[in-house]
All heavy atoms as atom14 arrays in JSON, in Angstrom:
{
  "sequence": "MKVEAYITRLPEVERPVLVVKAVVEPGWHIYSLTQGPGGPVPTKI",
  "atom14_mask": [
    [1, 1, 1, 1, 1, 1, 1, 1, 0, 0, 0, 0, 0, 0],
    [1, 1, 1, 1, 1, 1, 1, 1, 1, 0, 0, 0, 0, 0],
    [1, 1, 1, 1, 1, 1, 1, 0, 0, 0, 0, 0, 0, 0],
    [1, 1, 1, 1, 1, 1, 1, 1, 1, 0, 0, 0, 0, 0],
    [1, 1, 1, 1, 1, 0, 0, 0, 0, 0, 0, 0, 0, 0],
    [1, 1, 1, 1, 1, 1, 1, 1, 1, 1, 1, 1, 0, 0],
    [1, 1, 1, 1, 1, 1, 1, 1, 0, 0, 0, 0, 0, 0],
    [1, 1, 1, 1, 1, 1, 1, 0, 0, 0, 0, 0, 0, 0],
    [1, 1, 1, 1, 1, 1, 1, 1, 1, 1, 1, 0, 0, 0],
    [1, 1, 1, 1, 1, 1, 1, 1, 0, 0, 0, 0, 0, 0],
    [1, 1, 1, 1, 1, 1, 1, 0, 0, 0, 0, 0, 0, 0],
    [1, 1, 1, 1, 1, 1, 1, 1, 1, 0, 0, 0, 0, 0],
    [1, 1, 1, 1, 1, 1, 1, 0, 0, 0, 0, 0, 0, 0],
    [1, 1, 1, 1, 1, 1, 1, 1, 1, 0, 0, 0, 0, 0],
    [1, 1, 1, 1, 1, 1, 1, 1, 1, 1, 1, 0, 0, 0],
    [1, 1, 1, 1, 1, 1, 1, 0, 0, 0, 0, 0, 0, 0],
    [1, 1, 1, 1, 1, 1, 1, 0, 0, 0, 0, 0, 0, 0],
    [1, 1, 1, 1, 1, 1, 1, 1, 0, 0, 0, 0, 0, 0],
    [1, 1, 1, 1, 1, 1, 1, 0, 0, 0, 0, 0, 0, 0],
    [1, 1, 1, 1, 1, 1, 1, 0, 0, 0, 0, 0, 0, 0],
    [1, 1, 1, 1, 1, 1, 1, 1, 1, 0, 0, 0, 0, 0],
    [1, 1, 1, 1, 1, 0, 0, 0, 0, 0, 0, 0, 0, 0],
    [1, 1, 1, 1, 1, 1, 1, 0, 0, 0, 0, 0, 0, 0],
    [1, 1, 1, 1, 1, 1, 1, 0, 0, 0, 0, 0, 0, 0],
    [1, 1, 1, 1, 1, 1, 1, 1, 1, 0, 0, 0, 0, 0],
    [1, 1, 1, 1, 1, 1, 1, 0, 0, 0, 0, 0, 0, 0],
    [1, 1, 1, 1, 0, 0, 0, 0, 0, 0, 0, 0, 0, 0],
    [1, 1, 1, 1, 1, 1, 1, 1, 1, 1, 1, 1, 1, 1],
    [1, 1, 1, 1, 1, 1, 1, 1, 1, 1, 0, 0, 0, 0],
    [1, 1, 1, 1, 1, 1, 1, 1, 0, 0, 0, 0, 0, 0],
    [1, 1, 1, 1, 1, 1, 1, 1, 1, 1, 1, 1, 0, 0],
    [1, 1, 1, 1, 1, 1, 0, 0, 0, 0, 0, 0, 0, 0],
    [1, 1, 1, 1, 1, 1, 1, 1, 0, 0, 0, 0, 0, 0],
    [1, 1, 1, 1, 1, 1, 1, 0, 0, 0, 0, 0, 0, 0],
    [1, 1, 1, 1, 1, 1, 1, 1, 1, 0, 0, 0, 0, 0],
    [1, 1, 1, 1, 0, 0, 0, 0, 0, 0, 0, 0, 0, 0],
    [1, 1, 1, 1, 1, 1, 1, 0, 0, 0, 0, 0, 0, 0],
    [1, 1, 1, 1, 0, 0, 0, 0, 0, 0, 0, 0, 0, 0],
    [1, 1, 1, 1, 0, 0, 0, 0, 0, 0, 0, 0, 0, 0],
    [1, 1, 1, 1, 1, 1, 1, 0, 0, 0, 0, 0, 0, 0],
    [1, 1, 1, 1, 1, 1, 1, 0, 0, 0, 0, 0, 0, 0],
    [1, 1, 1, 1, 1, 1, 1, 0, 0, 0, 0, 0, 0, 0],
    [1, 1, 1, 1, 1, 1, 1, 0, 0, 0, 0, 0, 0, 0],
    [1, 1, 1, 1, 1, 1, 1, 1, 1, 0, 0, 0, 0, 0],
    [1, 1, 1, 1, 1, 1, 1, 1, 0, 0, 0, 0, 0, 0]
  ],
  "atom14_positions": [
    [[38.18, 67.95, -12.86], [37.24, 67.12, -12.12], [36.74, 67.9, -10.91], [37.54, 68.34, -10.08], [37.92, 65.82, -11.67], [37.0, 64.85, -10.94], [37.89, 63.35, -10.45], [39.09, 64.02, -9.3], [0.0, 0.0, 0.0], [0.0, 0.0, 0.0], [0.0, 0.0, 0.0], [0.0, 0.0, 0.0], [0.0, 0.0, 0.0], [0.0, 0.0, 0.0]],
    [[35.42, 68.07, -10.82], [34.81, 68.8, -9.72], [33.83, 67.87, -9.01], [33.05, 67.16, -9.66], [34.08, 70.03, -10.25], [33.43, 70.88, -9.17], [32.73, 72.08, -9.78], [32.06, 72.93, -8.7], [31.34, 74.09, -9.29], [0.0, 0.0, 0.0], [0.0, 0.0, 0.0], [0.0, 0.0, 0.0], [0.0, 0.0, 0.0], [0.0, 0.0, 0.0]],
    [[33.85, 67.88, -7.7], [33.03, 66.95, -6.91], [32.11, 67.74, -5.98], [32.55, 68.69, -5.31], [33.92, 65.99, -6.08], [33.05, 65.05, -5.24], [34.82, 65.18, -7.0], [0.0, 0.0, 0.0], [0.0, 0.0, 0.0], [0.0, 0.0, 0.0], [0.0, 0.0, 0.0], [0.0, 0.0, 0.0], [0.0, 0.0, 0.0], [0.0, 0.0, 0.0]],
    [[30.83, 67.34, -5.94], [29.84, 67.92, -5.03], [29.05, 66.78, -4.4], [28.98, 65.68, -4.94], [28.89, 68.85, -5.8], [29.58, 70.01, -6.51], [28.61, 70.77, -7.4], [27.49, 70.26, -7.61], [28.98, 71.84, -7.9], [0.0, 0.0, 0.0], [0.0, 0.0, 0.0], [0.0, 0.0, 0.0], [0.0, 0.0, 0.0], [0.0, 0.0, 0.0]],
    [[28.43, 67.05, -3.25], [27.63, 66.03, -2.57], [26.44, 66.7, -1.89], [26.53, 67.84, -1.4], [28.47, 65.26, -1.56], [0.0, 0.0, 0.0], [0.0, 0.0, 0.0], [0.0, 0.0, 0.0], [0.0, 0.0, 0.0], [0.0, 0.0, 0.0], [0.0, 0.0, 0.0], [0.0, 0.0, 0.0], [0.0, 0.0, 0.0], [0.0, 0.0, 0.0]],
    [[25.32, 65.97, -1.83], [24.08, 66.49, -1.25], [23.37, 65.38, -0.48], [23.5, 64.19, -0.79], [23.13, 67.0, -2.36], [23.79, 67.92, -3.35], [24.3, 67.42, -4.56], [23.91, 69.28, -3.1], [24.9, 68.24, -5.48], [24.52, 70.12, -4.02], [25.01, 69.59, -5.21], [25.62, 70.42, -6.12], [0.0, 0.0, 0.0], [0.0, 0.0, 0.0]],
    [[22.59, 65.8, 0.53], [21.65, 64.91, 1.21], [20.25, 65.38, 0.82], [19.94, 66.58, 0.91], [21.81, 64.97, 2.74], [23.24, 64.58, 3.15], [20.8, 64.06, 3.43], [23.54, 64.8, 4.61], [0.0, 0.0, 0.0], [0.0, 0.0, 0.0], [0.0, 0.0, 0.0], [0.0, 0.0, 0.0], [0.0, 0.0, 0.0], [0.0, 0.0, 0.0]],
    [[19.43, 64.45, 0.37], [18.1, 64.84, -0.09], [17.14, 63.67, 0.13], [17.55, 62.57, 0.54], [18.14, 65.23, -1.57], [16.88, 65.8, -1.94], [18.45, 64.04, -2.45], [0.0, 0.0, 0.0], [0.0, 0.0, 0.0], [0.0, 0.0, 0.0], [0.0, 0.0, 0.0], [0.0, 0.0, 0.0], [0.0, 0.0, 0.0], [0.0, 0.0, 0.0]],
    [[15.87, 63.95, -0.15], [14.85, 62.88, -0.14], [14.37, 62.67, -1.56], [14.14, 63.63, -2.29], [13.69, 63.26, 0.77], [14.04, 63.16, 2.27], [12.79, 63.17, 3.12], [13.06, 63.0, 4.52], [13.22, 61.82, 5.13], [13.09, 60.7, 4.41], [13.47, 61.75, 6.41], [0.0, 0.0, 0.0], [0.0, 0.0, 0.0], [0.0, 0.0, 0.0]],
    [[14.22, 61.39, -1.91], [13.76, 61.05, -3.24], [12.43, 60.31, -3.13], [12.21, 59.54, -2.18], [14.79, 60.16, -3.96], [16.16, 60.79, -4.21], [17.1, 59.78, -4.87], [16.04, 62.04, -5.07], [0.0, 0.0, 0.0], [0.0, 0.0, 0.0], [0.0, 0.0, 0.0], [0.0, 0.0, 0.0], [0.0, 0.0, 0.0], [0.0, 0.0, 0.0]],
    [[11.53, 60.53, -4.08], [10.23, 59.84, -4.05], [10.4, 58.33, -4.13], [11.26, 57.82, -4.84], [9.51, 60.4, -5.29], [10.6, 60.91, -6.17], [11.67, 61.4, -5.26], [0.0, 0.0, 0.0], [0.0, 0.0, 0.0], [0.0, 0.0, 0.0], [0.0, 0.0, 0.0], [0.0, 0.0, 0.0], [0.0, 0.0, 0.0], [0.0, 0.0, 0.0]],
    [[9.57, 57.63, -3.33], [9.54, 56.16, -3.3], [10.81, 55.55, -2.71], [11.07, 54.37, -2.89], [9.28, 55.59, -4.71], [7.99, 56.08, -5.33], [7.77, 55.49, -6.72], [8.25, 54.36, -6.96], [7.13, 56.16, -7.54], [0.0, 0.0, 0.0], [0.0, 0.0, 0.0], [0.0, 0.0, 0.0], [0.0, 0.0, 0.0], [0.0, 0.0, 0.0]],
    [[11.6, 56.37, -2.04], [12.77, 55.88, -1.3], [12.55, 56.21, 0.17], [12.34, 57.37, 0.52], [14.08, 56.52, -1.81], [15.26, 56.02, -0.99], [14.29, 56.2, -3.28], [0.0, 0.0, 0.0], [0.0, 0.0, 0.0], [0.0, 0.0, 0.0], [0.0, 0.0, 0.0], [0.0, 0.0, 0.0], [0.0, 0.0, 0.0], [0.0, 0.0, 0.0]],
    [[12.58, 55.19, 1.01], [12.18, 55.35, 2.4], [13.11, 56.26, 3.18], [12.68, 57.11, 3.95], [12.12, 53.96, 3.07], [11.71, 54.0, 4.53], [11.67, 52.62, 5.16], [11.88, 51.61, 4.43], [11.44, 52.54, 6.37], [0.0, 0.0, 0.0], [0.0, 0.0, 0.0], [0.0, 0.0, 0.0], [0.0, 0.0, 0.0], [0.0, 0.0, 0.0]],
    [[14.4, 56.1, 3.0], [15.37, 56.83, 3.81], [15.92, 58.03, 3.05], [15.83, 58.1, 1.83], [16.54, 55.91, 4.2], [16.14, 54.68, 5.02], [17.4, 53.93, 5.4], [17.14, 52.77, 6.23], [17.04, 51.52, 5.78], [17.19, 51.29, 4.48], [16.81, 50.52, 6.59], [0.0, 0.0, 0.0], [0.0, 0.0, 0.0], [0.0, 0.0, 0.0]],
    [[16.54, 58.98, 3.78], [17.27, 60.06, 3.1], [18.39, 59.47, 2.24], [18.93, 58.39, 2.53], [17.82, 60.91, 4.25], [16.97, 60.58, 5.42], [16.55, 59.16, 5.24], [0.0, 0.0, 0.0], [0.0, 0.0, 0.0], [0.0, 0.0, 0.0], [0.0, 0.0, 0.0], [0.0, 0.0, 0.0], [0.0, 0.0, 0.0], [0.0, 0.0, 0.0]],
    [[18.8, 60.18, 1.2], [19.77, 59.68, 0.24], [20.96, 60.63, 0.16], [20.8, 61.85, 0.12], [19.14, 59.52, -1.16], [20.18, 59.1, -2.19], [18.0, 58.5, -1.11], [0.0, 0.0, 0.0], [0.0, 0.0, 0.0], [0.0, 0.0, 0.0], [0.0, 0.0, 0.0], [0.0, 0.0, 0.0], [0.0, 0.0, 0.0], [0.0, 0.0, 0.0]],
    [[22.16, 60.05, 0.15], [23.38, 60.81, -0.1], [23.71, 60.68, -1.58], [23.81, 59.57, -2.11], [24.54, 60.28, 0.73], [25.93, 60.86, 0.41], [26.01, 62.31, 0.83], [27.04, 60.04, 1.07], [0.0, 0.0, 0.0], [0.0, 0.0, 0.0], [0.0, 0.0, 0.0], [0.0, 0.0, 0.0], [0.0, 0.0, 0.0], [0.0, 0.0, 0.0]],
    [[23.86, 61.81, -2.27], [24.2, 61.83, -3.69], [25.56, 62.5, -3.87], [25.77, 63.61, -3.36], [23.14, 62.56, -4.53], [23.53, 62.55, -6.0], [21.76, 61.94, -4.34], [0.0, 0.0, 0.0], [0.0, 0.0, 0.0], [0.0, 0.0, 0.0], [0.0, 0.0, 0.0], [0.0, 0.0, 0.0], [0.0, 0.0, 0.0], [0.0, 0.0, 0.0]],
    [[26.48, 61.81, -4.54], [27.8, 62.36, -4.85], [27.86, 62.57, -6.36], [27.58, 61.64, -7.13], [28.93, 61.42, -4.39], [30.29, 62.02, -4.74], [28.84, 61.16, -2.89], [0.0, 0.0, 0.0], [0.0, 0.0, 0.0], [0.0, 0.0, 0.0], [0.0, 0.0, 0.0], [0.0, 0.0, 0.0], [0.0, 0.0, 0.0], [0.0, 0.0, 0.0]],
    [[28.23, 63.78, -6.76], [28.24, 64.16, -8.18], [29.66, 64.55, -8.58], [30.31, 65.36, -7.9], [27.28, 65.33, -8.4], [27.29, 65.92, -9.79], [26.34, 67.11, -9.85], [26.38, 67.82, -11.19], [25.49, 69.0, -11.22], [0.0, 0.0, 0.0], [0.0, 0.0, 0.0], [0.0, 0.0, 0.0], [0.0, 0.0, 0.0], [0.0, 0.0, 0.0]],
    [[30.15, 63.97, -9.67], [31.48, 64.3, -10.2], [31.33, 64.79, -11.63], [30.65, 64.15, -12.44], [32.4, 63.1, -10.14], [0.0, 0.0, 0.0], [0.0, 0.0, 0.0], [0.0, 0.0, 0.0], [0.0, 0.0, 0.0], [0.0, 0.0, 0.0], [0.0, 0.0, 0.0], [0.0, 0.0, 0.0], [0.0, 0.0, 0.0], [0.0, 0.0, 0.0]],
    [[31.94, 65.93, -11.94], [31.93, 66.49, -13.29], [33.35, 66.44, -13.83], [34.25, 67.11, -13.29], [31.4, 67.93, -13.29], [31.4, 68.48, -14.71], [30.0, 67.99, -12.69], [0.0, 0.0, 0.0], [0.0, 0.0, 0.0], [0.0, 0.0, 0.0], [0.0, 0.0, 0.0], [0.0, 0.0, 0.0], [0.0, 0.0, 0.0], [0.0, 0.0, 0.0]],
    [[33.57, 65.62, -14.86], [34.89, 65.43, -15.45], [35.0, 66.29, -16.7], [34.1, 66.3, -17.54], [35.13, 63.94, -15.8], [36.55, 63.73, -16.31], [34.87, 63.06, -14.58], [0.0, 0.0, 0.0], [0.0, 0.0, 0.0], [0.0, 0.0, 0.0], [0.0, 0.0, 0.0], [0.0, 0.0, 0.0], [0.0, 0.0, 0.0], [0.0, 0.0, 0.0]],
    [[36.09, 67.02, -16.83], [36.27, 67.92, -17.97], [36.29, 67.15, -19.28], [36.72, 65.99, -19.32], [37.57, 68.72, -17.81], [37.55, 69.7, -16.66], [38.83, 70.51, -16.58], [39.68, 70.34, -17.48], [38.98, 71.31, -15.64], [0.0, 0.0, 0.0], [0.0, 0.0, 0.0], [0.0, 0.0, 0.0], [0.0, 0.0, 0.0], [0.0, 0.0, 0.0]],
    [[35.86, 67.76, -20.36], [35.86, 67.09, -21.67], [37.27, 66.62, -22.06], [38.26, 67.32, -21.83], [35.36, 68.18, -22.63], [34.56, 69.1, -21.75], [35.25, 69.11, -20.42], [0.0, 0.0, 0.0], [0.0, 0.0, 0.0], [0.0, 0.0, 0.0], [0.0, 0.0, 0.0], [0.0, 0.0, 0.0], [0.0, 0.0, 0.0], [0.0, 0.0, 0.0]],
    [[37.32, 65.45, -22.66], [38.6, 64.88, -23.08], [39.26, 64.03, -22.01], [40.26, 63.36, -22.28], [0.0, 0.0, 0.0], [0.0, 0.0, 0.0], [0.0, 0.0, 0.0], [0.0, 0.0, 0.0], [0.0, 0.0, 0.0], [0.0, 0.0, 0.0], [0.0, 0.0, 0.0], [0.0, 0.0, 0.0], [0.0, 0.0, 0.0], [0.0, 0.0, 0.0]],
    [[38.72, 64.05, -20.78], [39.28, 63.28, -19.67], [38.27, 62.24, -19.21], [37.07, 62.35, -19.48], [39.65, 64.2, -18.5], [40.77, 65.13, -18.83], [40.67, 66.33, -19.46], [42.14, 64.93, -18.55], [41.9, 66.91, -19.61], [42.83, 66.07, -19.04], [42.88, 63.93, -17.93], [44.21, 66.21, -18.94], [44.25, 64.07, -17.82], [44.9, 65.19, -18.32]],
    [[38.75, 61.25, -18.48], [37.85, 60.24, -17.89], [38.46, 59.74, -16.58], [39.66, 59.91, -16.32], [37.63, 59.07, -18.86], [38.89, 58.33, -19.21], [39.67, 58.66, -20.3], [39.51, 57.27, -18.63], [40.71, 57.85, -20.37], [40.64, 57.0, -19.36], [0.0, 0.0, 0.0], [0.0, 0.0, 0.0], [0.0, 0.0, 0.0], [0.0, 0.0, 0.0]],
    [[37.59, 59.16, -15.76], [38.02, 58.5, -14.52], [37.5, 57.07, -14.57], [36.76, 56.7, -15.49], [37.5, 59.23, -13.27], [35.98, 59.27, -13.27], [38.09, 60.64, -13.17], [35.37, 59.89, -12.01], [0.0, 0.0, 0.0], [0.0, 0.0, 0.0], [0.0, 0.0, 0.0], [0.0, 0.0, 0.0], [0.0, 0.0, 0.0], [0.0, 0.0, 0.0]],
    [[37.89, 56.26, -13.59], [37.53, 54.85, -13.62], [36.47, 54.54, -12.57], [36.25, 55.29, -11.62], [38.78, 53.99, -13.43], [39.78, 54.22, -14.54], [40.84, 55.12, -14.37], [39.63, 53.6, -15.76], [41.74, 55.35, -15.4], [40.53, 53.83, -16.8], [41.57, 54.71, -16.62], [42.44, 54.95, -17.64], [0.0, 0.0, 0.0], [0.0, 0.0, 0.0]],
    [[35.81, 53.41, -12.72], [34.64, 53.07, -11.9], [35.05, 52.62, -10.5], [36.21, 52.3, -10.23], [33.84, 51.96, -12.57], [34.57, 50.73, -12.53], [0.0, 0.0, 0.0], [0.0, 0.0, 0.0], [0.0, 0.0, 0.0], [0.0, 0.0, 0.0], [0.0, 0.0, 0.0], [0.0, 0.0, 0.0], [0.0, 0.0, 0.0], [0.0, 0.0, 0.0]],
    [[34.03, 52.56, -9.62], [34.24, 52.0, -8.28], [34.56, 50.51, -8.35], [35.24, 49.97, -7.49], [33.0, 52.2, -7.41], [32.57, 53.62, -7.05], [31.31, 53.58, -6.22], [33.66, 54.36, -6.31], [0.0, 0.0, 0.0], [0.0, 0.0, 0.0], [0.0, 0.0, 0.0], [0.0, 0.0, 0.0], [0.0, 0.0, 0.0], [0.0, 0.0, 0.0]],
    [[34.04, 49.86, -9.37], [34.17, 48.4, -9.47], [35.3, 47.96, -10.4], [35.35, 46.8, -10.79], [32.84, 47.81, -10.0], [32.51, 48.45, -11.25], [31.72, 48.06, -9.0], [0.0, 0.0, 0.0], [0.0, 0.0, 0.0], [0.0, 0.0, 0.0], [0.0, 0.0, 0.0], [0.0, 0.0, 0.0], [0.0, 0.0, 0.0], [0.0, 0.0, 0.0]],
    [[36.2, 48.87, -10.75], [37.32, 48.51, -11.62], [38.12, 47.38, -10.99], [38.54, 47.47, -9.83], [38.22, 49.72, -11.85], [39.46, 49.42, -12.67], [39.12, 48.96, -14.09], [38.43, 49.67, -14.81], [39.58, 47.79, -14.46], [0.0, 0.0, 0.0], [0.0, 0.0, 0.0], [0.0, 0.0, 0.0], [0.0, 0.0, 0.0], [0.0, 0.0, 0.0]],
    [[38.34, 46.3, -11.75], [39.0, 45.13, -11.2], [40.48, 45.33, -10.96], [41.09, 46.28, -11.47], [0.0, 0.0, 0.0], [0.0, 0.0, 0.0], [0.0, 0.0, 0.0], [0.0, 0.0, 0.0], [0.0, 0.0, 0.0], [0.0, 0.0, 0.0], [0.0, 0.0, 0.0], [0.0, 0.0, 0.0], [0.0, 0.0, 0.0], [0.0, 0.0, 0.0]],
    [[41.11, 44.43, -10.19], [42.55, 44.53, -9.91], [43.38, 44.27, -11.15], [42.92, 43.63, -12.1], [42.77, 43.45, -8.85], [41.67, 42.47, -9.07], [40.49, 43.26, -9.54], [0.0, 0.0, 0.0], [0.0, 0.0, 0.0], [0.0, 0.0, 0.0], [0.0, 0.0, 0.0], [0.0, 0.0, 0.0], [0.0, 0.0, 0.0], [0.0, 0.0, 0.0]],
    [[44.62, 44.75, -11.12], [45.52, 44.56, -12.24], [45.38, 45.59, -13.33], [46.09, 45.55, -14.33], [0.0, 0.0, 0.0], [0.0, 0.0, 0.0], [0.0, 0.0, 0.0], [0.0, 0.0, 0.0], [0.0, 0.0, 0.0], [0.0, 0.0, 0.0], [0.0, 0.0, 0.0], [0.0, 0.0, 0.0], [0.0, 0.0, 0.0], [0.0, 0.0, 0.0]],
    [[44.44, 46.55, -13.15], [44.22, 47.58, -14.14], [44.48, 48.96, -13.57], [45.29, 49.12, -12.65], [0.0, 0.0, 0.0], [0.0, 0.0, 0.0], [0.0, 0.0, 0.0], [0.0, 0.0, 0.0], [0.0, 0.0, 0.0], [0.0, 0.0, 0.0], [0.0, 0.0, 0.0], [0.0, 0.0, 0.0], [0.0, 0.0, 0.0], [0.0, 0.0, 0.0]],
    [[43.79, 49.98, -14.08], [43.99, 51.34, -13.58], [43.45, 51.5, -12.17], [42.78, 50.61, -11.62], [43.21, 52.2, -14.59], [42.19, 51.27, -15.16], [42.83, 49.92, -15.19], [0.0, 0.0, 0.0], [0.0, 0.0, 0.0], [0.0, 0.0, 0.0], [0.0, 0.0, 0.0], [0.0, 0.0, 0.0], [0.0, 0.0, 0.0], [0.0, 0.0, 0.0]],
    [[43.72, 52.66, -11.57], [43.31, 52.92, -10.19], [41.8, 53.15, -10.14], [41.27, 54.05, -10.79], [44.04, 54.16, -9.63], [43.56, 54.47, -8.22], [45.55, 53.92, -9.65], [0.0, 0.0, 0.0], [0.0, 0.0, 0.0], [0.0, 0.0, 0.0], [0.0, 0.0, 0.0], [0.0, 0.0, 0.0], [0.0, 0.0, 0.0], [0.0, 0.0, 0.0]],
    [[41.05, 52.32, -9.38], [39.6, 52.53, -9.3], [39.27, 53.77, -8.47], [40.04, 54.19, -7.61], [39.1, 51.27, -8.61], [40.26, 50.79, -7.81], [41.49, 51.17, -8.6], [0.0, 0.0, 0.0], [0.0, 0.0, 0.0], [0.0, 0.0, 0.0], [0.0, 0.0, 0.0], [0.0, 0.0, 0.0], [0.0, 0.0, 0.0], [0.0, 0.0, 0.0]],
    [[38.1, 54.34, -8.73], [37.62, 55.46, -7.93], [37.21, 54.95, -6.55], [36.69, 53.83, -6.42], [36.43, 56.13, -8.64], [36.88, 56.66, -9.88], [35.84, 57.24, -7.79], [0.0, 0.0, 0.0], [0.0, 0.0, 0.0], [0.0, 0.0, 0.0], [0.0, 0.0, 0.0], [0.0, 0.0, 0.0], [0.0, 0.0, 0.0], [0.0, 0.0, 0.0]],
    [[37.46, 55.75, -5.52], [37.09, 55.41, -4.15], [36.27, 56.55, -3.55], [36.72, 57.7, -3.55], [38.33, 55.17, -3.28], [39.22, 54.03, -3.74], [38.63, 52.68, -3.41], [39.61, 51.57, -3.75], [39.06, 50.25, -3.45], [0.0, 0.0, 0.0], [0.0, 0.0, 0.0], [0.0, 0.0, 0.0], [0.0, 0.0, 0.0], [0.0, 0.0, 0.0]],
    [[35.09, 56.24, -3.06], [34.27, 57.22, -2.34], [34.23, 56.8, -0.89], [33.72, 55.72, -0.56], [32.85, 57.31, -2.92], [32.91, 57.75, -4.38], [32.0, 58.27, -2.1], [31.56, 57.81, -5.06], [0.0, 0.0, 0.0], [0.0, 0.0, 0.0], [0.0, 0.0, 0.0], [0.0, 0.0, 0.0], [0.0, 0.0, 0.0], [0.0, 0.0, 0.0]]
  ]
}
């Protein structure tokens, strides 16, 4: 799992945008920010 982040401007978006990018190796997975309680560990940014 490799993580990168950038600040950029996007068309039709008024403010600058923070973009966080995660690359997960094949065969592996991570869980969402919105993963509910009682399950696996949710991702936290």
